[in-house]
């Protein structure tokens, strides 16, 4: 049975198999992040909290990059796409965070939503090609190679961490609180 919470997020299955559970939790974290960014202006997306330079706009851009790096570049060995392929990462290792201010909320959300949609498709392709044990095509510099299971768990962790940041920033903007 499909269960939505008060924010309209699909609850992860309580008795699903491993893949459905992992995907359920990853999608729940993605939906939580979307909730924290929904309906904000460019100025609000560029707002920081306390002494941090982190912004919700920067997080949108960063998570777009992270989605593409893990599911497209690492898992499937696809070449980096625009805009990631034309960035001088040596000159600005945090370009994904810094470049967000030059984009509208609509552009940032569209880029992130597209990255998530691509990641879902690439995950389905990997599941069809070996399941959760399917190894990434690009190993880490030390030679170790994560499998899809590890990548999904890492992405849940990545979103959970940034959702905590997003919650603090959103609350400082307009008092919107929640998980």
C-alpha atoms as a PDB file:
ATOM      1  CA  UNK A   1       0.000   0.000   0.000  1.00  0.00           C
ATOM      2  CA  UNK A   2       1.295   3.474  -0.883  1.00  0.00           C
ATOM      3  CA  UNK A   3       1.664   5.624   2.230  1.00  0.00           C
ATOM      4  CA  UNK A   4       2.224   9.382   1.942  1.00  0.00           C
ATOM      5  CA  UNK A   5       3.233  11.512   4.909  1.00  0.00           C
ATOM      6  CA  UNK A   6       1.933  14.994   5.738  1.00  0.00           C
ATOM      7  CA  UNK A   7       4.468  16.557   3.333  1.00  0.00           C
ATOM      8  CA  UNK A   8       3.366  14.320   0.450  1.00  0.00           C
ATOM      9  CA  UNK A   9       6.509  12.188   0.595  1.00  0.00           C
ATOM     10  CA  UNK A  10       6.204   8.501  -0.203  1.00  0.00           C
ATOM     11  CA  UNK A  11       7.114   6.529   2.905  1.00  0.00           C
ATOM     12  CA  UNK A  12       9.802   3.855   2.419  1.00  0.00           C
ATOM     13  CA  UNK A  13       8.355   0.327   2.479  1.00  0.00           C
ATOM     14  CA  UNK A  14       8.233  -1.220   5.932  1.00  0.00           C
ATOM     15  CA  UNK A  15       8.630  -4.782   4.635  1.00  0.00           C
ATOM     16  CA  UNK A  16      10.251  -4.394   1.210  1.00  0.00           C
ATOM     17  CA  UNK A  17      13.123  -6.328  -0.247  1.00  0.00           C
ATOM     18  CA  UNK A  18      16.626  -4.850  -0.106  1.00  0.00           C
ATOM     19  CA  UNK A  19      16.384  -2.873  -3.359  1.00  0.00           C
ATOM     20  CA  UNK A  20      12.930  -1.463  -2.628  1.00  0.00           C
ATOM     21  CA  UNK A  21      14.035  -0.476   0.877  1.00  0.00           C
ATOM     22  CA  UNK A  22      17.225   1.254  -0.311  1.00  0.00           C
ATOM     23  CA  UNK A  23      15.428   3.060  -3.138  1.00  0.00           C
ATOM     24  CA  UNK A  24      12.547   3.933  -0.806  1.00  0.00           C
ATOM     25  CA  UNK A  25      14.872   5.597   1.684  1.00  0.00           C
ATOM     26  CA  UNK A  26      16.918   7.372  -1.013  1.00  0.00           C
ATOM     27  CA  UNK A  27      13.785   8.734  -2.666  1.00  0.00           C
ATOM     28  CA  UNK A  28      12.400   9.784   0.729  1.00  0.00           C
ATOM     29  CA  UNK A  29      15.617  11.738   1.392  1.00  0.00           C
ATOM     30  CA  UNK A  30      15.405  13.321  -2.078  1.00  0.00           C
ATOM     31  CA  UNK A  31      11.778  14.308  -1.439  1.00  0.00           C
ATOM     32  CA  UNK A  32      12.755  15.770   1.941  1.00  0.00           C
ATOM     33  CA  UNK A  33      15.394  17.898   0.240  1.00  0.00           C
ATOM     34  CA  UNK A  34      12.878  19.061  -2.391  1.00  0.00           C
ATOM     35  CA  UNK A  35      10.489  20.063   0.422  1.00  0.00           C
ATOM     36  CA  UNK A  36      13.214  22.203   2.043  1.00  0.00           C
ATOM     37  CA  UNK A  37      13.897  24.041  -1.249  1.00  0.00           C
ATOM     38  CA  UNK A  38      10.313  24.377  -2.479  1.00  0.00           C
ATOM     39  CA  UNK A  39       8.879  27.850  -3.054  1.00  0.00           C
ATOM     40  CA  UNK A  40      12.001  29.873  -2.248  1.00  0.00           C
ATOM     41  CA  UNK A  41      13.320  32.953  -4.053  1.00  0.00           C
ATOM     42  CA  UNK A  42      16.820  33.418  -5.440  1.00  0.00           C
ATOM     43  CA  UNK A  43      17.705  35.501  -2.388  1.00  0.00           C
ATOM     44  CA  UNK A  44      16.464  32.810  -0.034  1.00  0.00           C
ATOM     45  CA  UNK A  45      18.370  30.099  -1.905  1.00  0.00           C
ATOM     46  CA  UNK A  46      21.521  32.221  -1.471  1.00  0.00           C
ATOM     47  CA  UNK A  47      21.041  32.715   2.290  1.00  0.00           C
ATOM     48  CA  UNK A  48      23.510  31.181   4.728  1.00  0.00           C
ATOM     49  CA  UNK A  49      23.020  30.218   8.370  1.00  0.00           C
ATOM     50  CA  UNK A  50      25.386  31.125  11.184  1.00  0.00           C
ATOM     51  CA  UNK A  51      29.029  31.210  10.087  1.00  0.00           C
ATOM     52  CA  UNK A  52      28.621  28.633   7.297  1.00  0.00           C
ATOM     53  CA  UNK A  53      28.852  29.622   3.630  1.00  0.00           C
ATOM     54  CA  UNK A  54      26.460  26.785   2.707  1.00  0.00           C
ATOM     55  CA  UNK A  55      23.269  27.793   0.876  1.00  0.00           C
ATOM     56  CA  UNK A  56      20.242  25.848  -0.306  1.00  0.00           C
ATOM     57  CA  UNK A  57      21.034  26.905  -3.878  1.00  0.00           C
ATOM     58  CA  UNK A  58      24.566  25.605  -3.451  1.00  0.00           C
ATOM     59  CA  UNK A  59      23.179  22.350  -2.081  1.00  0.00           C
ATOM     60  CA  UNK A  60      20.894  21.983  -5.100  1.00  0.00           C
ATOM     61  CA  UNK A  61      23.859  22.422  -7.429  1.00  0.00           C
ATOM     62  CA  UNK A  62      26.125  20.199  -5.308  1.00  0.00           C
ATOM     63  CA  UNK A  63      23.581  17.370  -5.108  1.00  0.00           C
ATOM     64  CA  UNK A  64      23.024  17.594  -8.877  1.00  0.00           C
ATOM     65  CA  UNK A  65      26.764  17.086  -9.283  1.00  0.00           C
ATOM     66  CA  UNK A  66      26.875  14.252  -6.728  1.00  0.00           C
ATOM     67  CA  UNK A  67      23.985  12.437  -8.463  1.00  0.00           C
ATOM     68  CA  UNK A  68      25.805  12.654 -11.815  1.00  0.00           C
ATOM     69  CA  UNK A  69      29.209  11.706 -10.430  1.00  0.00           C
ATOM     70  CA  UNK A  70      28.027   8.587  -8.615  1.00  0.00           C
ATOM     71  CA  UNK A  71      25.419   7.180 -10.982  1.00  0.00           C
ATOM     72  CA  UNK A  72      26.657   8.325 -14.383  1.00  0.00           C
ATOM     73  CA  UNK A  73      30.419   8.864 -14.113  1.00  0.00           C
ATOM     74  CA  UNK A  74      31.389   6.214 -11.510  1.00  0.00           C
ATOM     75  CA  UNK A  75      28.692   3.535 -11.848  1.00  0.00           C
ATOM     76  CA  UNK A  76      28.403   3.585 -15.651  1.00  0.00           C
ATOM     77  CA  UNK A  77      31.698   5.280 -16.698  1.00  0.00           C
ATOM     78  CA  UNK A  78      29.866   7.923 -18.734  1.00  0.00           C
ATOM     79  CA  UNK A  79      31.881  11.058 -19.443  1.00  0.00           C
ATOM     80  CA  UNK A  80      30.979  14.114 -17.343  1.00  0.00           C
ATOM     81  CA  UNK A  81      28.134  16.163 -18.824  1.00  0.00           C
ATOM     82  CA  UNK A  82      27.579  19.909 -18.957  1.00  0.00           C
ATOM     83  CA  UNK A  83      28.227  21.868 -16.890  1.00  0.00           C
ATOM     84  CA  UNK A  84      30.585  19.552 -14.980  1.00  0.00           C
ATOM     85  CA  UNK A  85      32.830  18.785 -17.954  1.00  0.00           C
ATOM     86  CA  UNK A  86      33.848  22.416 -18.530  1.00  0.00           C
ATOM     87  CA  UNK A  87      34.679  23.317 -14.920  1.00  0.00           C
ATOM     88  CA  UNK A  88      38.235  24.058 -13.813  1.00  0.00           C
ATOM     89  CA  UNK A  89      37.930  22.063 -10.582  1.00  0.00           C
ATOM     90  CA  UNK A  90      41.556  22.808  -9.695  1.00  0.00           C
ATOM     91  CA  UNK A  91      40.886  26.547  -9.685  1.00  0.00           C
ATOM     92  CA  UNK A  92      37.678  26.156  -7.641  1.00  0.00           C
ATOM     93  CA  UNK A  93      37.165  22.738  -6.022  1.00  0.00           C
ATOM     94  CA  UNK A  94      33.822  23.994  -4.641  1.00  0.00           C
ATOM     95  CA  UNK A  95      32.553  25.364  -7.957  1.00  0.00           C
ATOM     96  CA  UNK A  96      29.297  23.440  -7.631  1.00  0.00           C
ATOM     97  CA  UNK A  97      28.547  25.354  -4.416  1.00  0.00           C
ATOM     98  CA  UNK A  98      29.812  28.750  -5.619  1.00  0.00           C
ATOM     99  CA  UNK A  99      28.179  28.760  -9.062  1.00  0.00           C
ATOM    100  CA  UNK A 100      24.618  28.390  -7.799  1.00  0.00           C
ATOM    101  CA  UNK A 101      24.101  32.104  -7.160  1.00  0.00           C
ATOM    102  CA  UNK A 102      24.210  32.767 -10.920  1.00  0.00           C
ATOM    103  CA  UNK A 103      21.083  30.644 -11.497  1.00  0.00           C
ATOM    104  CA  UNK A 104      17.373  31.042 -10.793  1.00  0.00           C
ATOM    105  CA  UNK A 105      15.534  28.738  -8.399  1.00  0.00           C
ATOM    106  CA  UNK A 106      13.765  27.227 -11.407  1.00  0.00           C
ATOM    107  CA  UNK A 107      17.076  26.450 -13.142  1.00  0.00           C
ATOM    108  CA  UNK A 108      18.602  24.933 -10.017  1.00  0.00           C
ATOM    109  CA  UNK A 109      15.555  22.790  -9.256  1.00  0.00           C
ATOM    110  CA  UNK A 110      15.252  21.660 -12.890  1.00  0.00           C
ATOM    111  CA  UNK A 111      18.931  20.665 -12.991  1.00  0.00           C
ATOM    112  CA  UNK A 112      18.606  18.708  -9.742  1.00  0.00           C
ATOM    113  CA  UNK A 113      15.345  17.009 -10.791  1.00  0.00           C
ATOM    114  CA  UNK A 114      16.926  15.995 -14.118  1.00  0.00           C
ATOM    115  CA  UNK A 115      19.983  14.608 -12.319  1.00  0.00           C
ATOM    116  CA  UNK A 116      17.721  12.570  -9.989  1.00  0.00           C
ATOM    117  CA  UNK A 117      15.687  11.245 -12.931  1.00  0.00           C
ATOM    118  CA  UNK A 118      18.892  10.215 -14.750  1.00  0.00           C
ATOM    119  CA  UNK A 119      20.151   8.531 -11.578  1.00  0.00           C
ATOM    120  CA  UNK A 120      16.934   6.529 -11.249  1.00  0.00           C
ATOM    121  CA  UNK A 121      17.263   5.332 -14.864  1.00  0.00           C
ATOM    122  CA  UNK A 122      20.939   4.477 -14.412  1.00  0.00           C
ATOM    123  CA  UNK A 123      20.143   2.611 -11.201  1.00  0.00           C
ATOM    124  CA  UNK A 124      17.508   0.552 -13.021  1.00  0.00           C
ATOM    125  CA  UNK A 125      20.066  -0.220 -15.744  1.00  0.00           C
ATOM    126  CA  UNK A 126      22.603  -1.360 -13.141  1.00  0.00           C
ATOM    127  CA  UNK A 127      20.010  -3.513 -11.356  1.00  0.00           C
ATOM    128  CA  UNK A 128      19.214  -5.201 -14.681  1.00  0.00           C
ATOM    129  CA  UNK A 129      22.955  -5.731 -15.207  1.00  0.00           C
ATOM    130  CA  UNK A 130      23.852  -7.442 -11.948  1.00  0.00           C
ATOM    131  CA  UNK A 131      21.617  -6.167  -9.180  1.00  0.00           C
ATOM    132  CA  UNK A 132      22.895  -4.518  -6.041  1.00  0.00           C
ATOM    133  CA  UNK A 133      26.213  -6.365  -6.344  1.00  0.00           C
ATOM    134  CA  UNK A 134      26.894  -4.702  -9.725  1.00  0.00           C
ATOM    135  CA  UNK A 135      30.305  -3.009  -9.448  1.00  0.00           C
ATOM    136  CA  UNK A 136      30.916   0.536 -10.598  1.00  0.00           C
ATOM    137  CA  UNK A 137      32.908   0.763 -13.819  1.00  0.00           C
ATOM    138  CA  UNK A 138      35.226   3.445 -12.422  1.00  0.00           C
ATOM    139  CA  UNK A 139      37.215   2.377  -9.345  1.00  0.00           C
ATOM    140  CA  UNK A 140      38.467   4.815  -6.747  1.00  0.00           C
ATOM    141  CA  UNK A 141      42.059   6.067  -7.059  1.00  0.00           C
ATOM    142  CA  UNK A 142      43.155   3.387  -4.549  1.00  0.00           C
ATOM    143  CA  UNK A 143      41.771   0.644  -6.811  1.00  0.00           C
ATOM    144  CA  UNK A 144      38.764  -0.339  -4.697  1.00  0.00           C
ATOM    145  CA  UNK A 145      35.441  -0.478  -6.542  1.00  0.00           C
ATOM    146  CA  UNK A 146      32.116   0.140  -4.811  1.00  0.00           C
ATOM    147  CA  UNK A 147      29.013  -1.757  -5.809  1.00  0.00           C
ATOM    148  CA  UNK A 148      25.533  -0.355  -6.406  1.00  0.00           C
ATOM    149  CA  UNK A 149      24.487  -1.287  -2.848  1.00  0.00           C
ATOM    150  CA  UNK A 150      27.332   0.847  -1.424  1.00  0.00           C
ATOM    151  CA  UNK A 151      26.521   3.746  -3.780  1.00  0.00           C
ATOM    152  CA  UNK A 152      22.852   3.732  -2.746  1.00  0.00           C
ATOM    153  CA  UNK A 153      23.781   3.674   0.956  1.00  0.00           C
ATOM    154  CA  UNK A 154      26.280   6.482   0.377  1.00  0.00           C
ATOM    155  CA  UNK A 155      23.651   8.582  -1.396  1.00  0.00           C
ATOM    156  CA  UNK A 156      21.191   8.069   1.477  1.00  0.00           C
ATOM    157  CA  UNK A 157      23.932   9.294   3.831  1.00  0.00           C
ATOM    158  CA  UNK A 158      24.749  12.245   1.541  1.00  0.00           C
ATOM    159  CA  UNK A 159      21.139  13.415   1.442  1.00  0.00           C
ATOM    160  CA  UNK A 160      20.535  12.803   5.158  1.00  0.00           C
ATOM    161  CA  UNK A 161      23.548  14.942   6.021  1.00  0.00           C
ATOM    162  CA  UNK A 162      22.546  17.785   3.726  1.00  0.00           C
ATOM    163  CA  UNK A 163      18.900  17.562   4.786  1.00  0.00           C
ATOM    164  CA  UNK A 164      20.069  18.466   8.289  1.00  0.00           C
ATOM    165  CA  UNK A 165      21.837  21.512   6.873  1.00  0.00           C
ATOM    166  CA  UNK A 166      18.806  22.365   4.738  1.00  0.00           C
ATOM    167  CA  UNK A 167      16.490  22.141   7.733  1.00  0.00           C
ATOM    168  CA  UNK A 168      18.559  24.686   9.678  1.00  0.00           C
ATOM    169  CA  UNK A 169      18.753  27.100   6.744  1.00  0.00           C
ATOM    170  CA  UNK A 170      15.056  26.789   5.910  1.00  0.00           C
ATOM    171  CA  UNK A 171      14.054  27.368   9.532  1.00  0.00           C
ATOM    172  CA  UNK A 172      16.201  30.517   9.627  1.00  0.00           C
ATOM    173  CA  UNK A 173      14.454  31.801   6.482  1.00  0.00           C
ATOM    174  CA  UNK A 174      10.792  31.426   7.311  1.00  0.00           C
ATOM    175  CA  UNK A 175      10.384  29.230  10.364  1.00  0.00           C
ATOM    176  CA  UNK A 176       9.498  26.134   8.264  1.00  0.00           C
ATOM    177  CA  UNK A 177      10.553  23.175  10.363  1.00  0.00           C
ATOM    178  CA  UNK A 178      10.285  19.453  10.161  1.00  0.00           C
ATOM    179  CA  UNK A 179      12.371  16.351  10.123  1.00  0.00           C
END
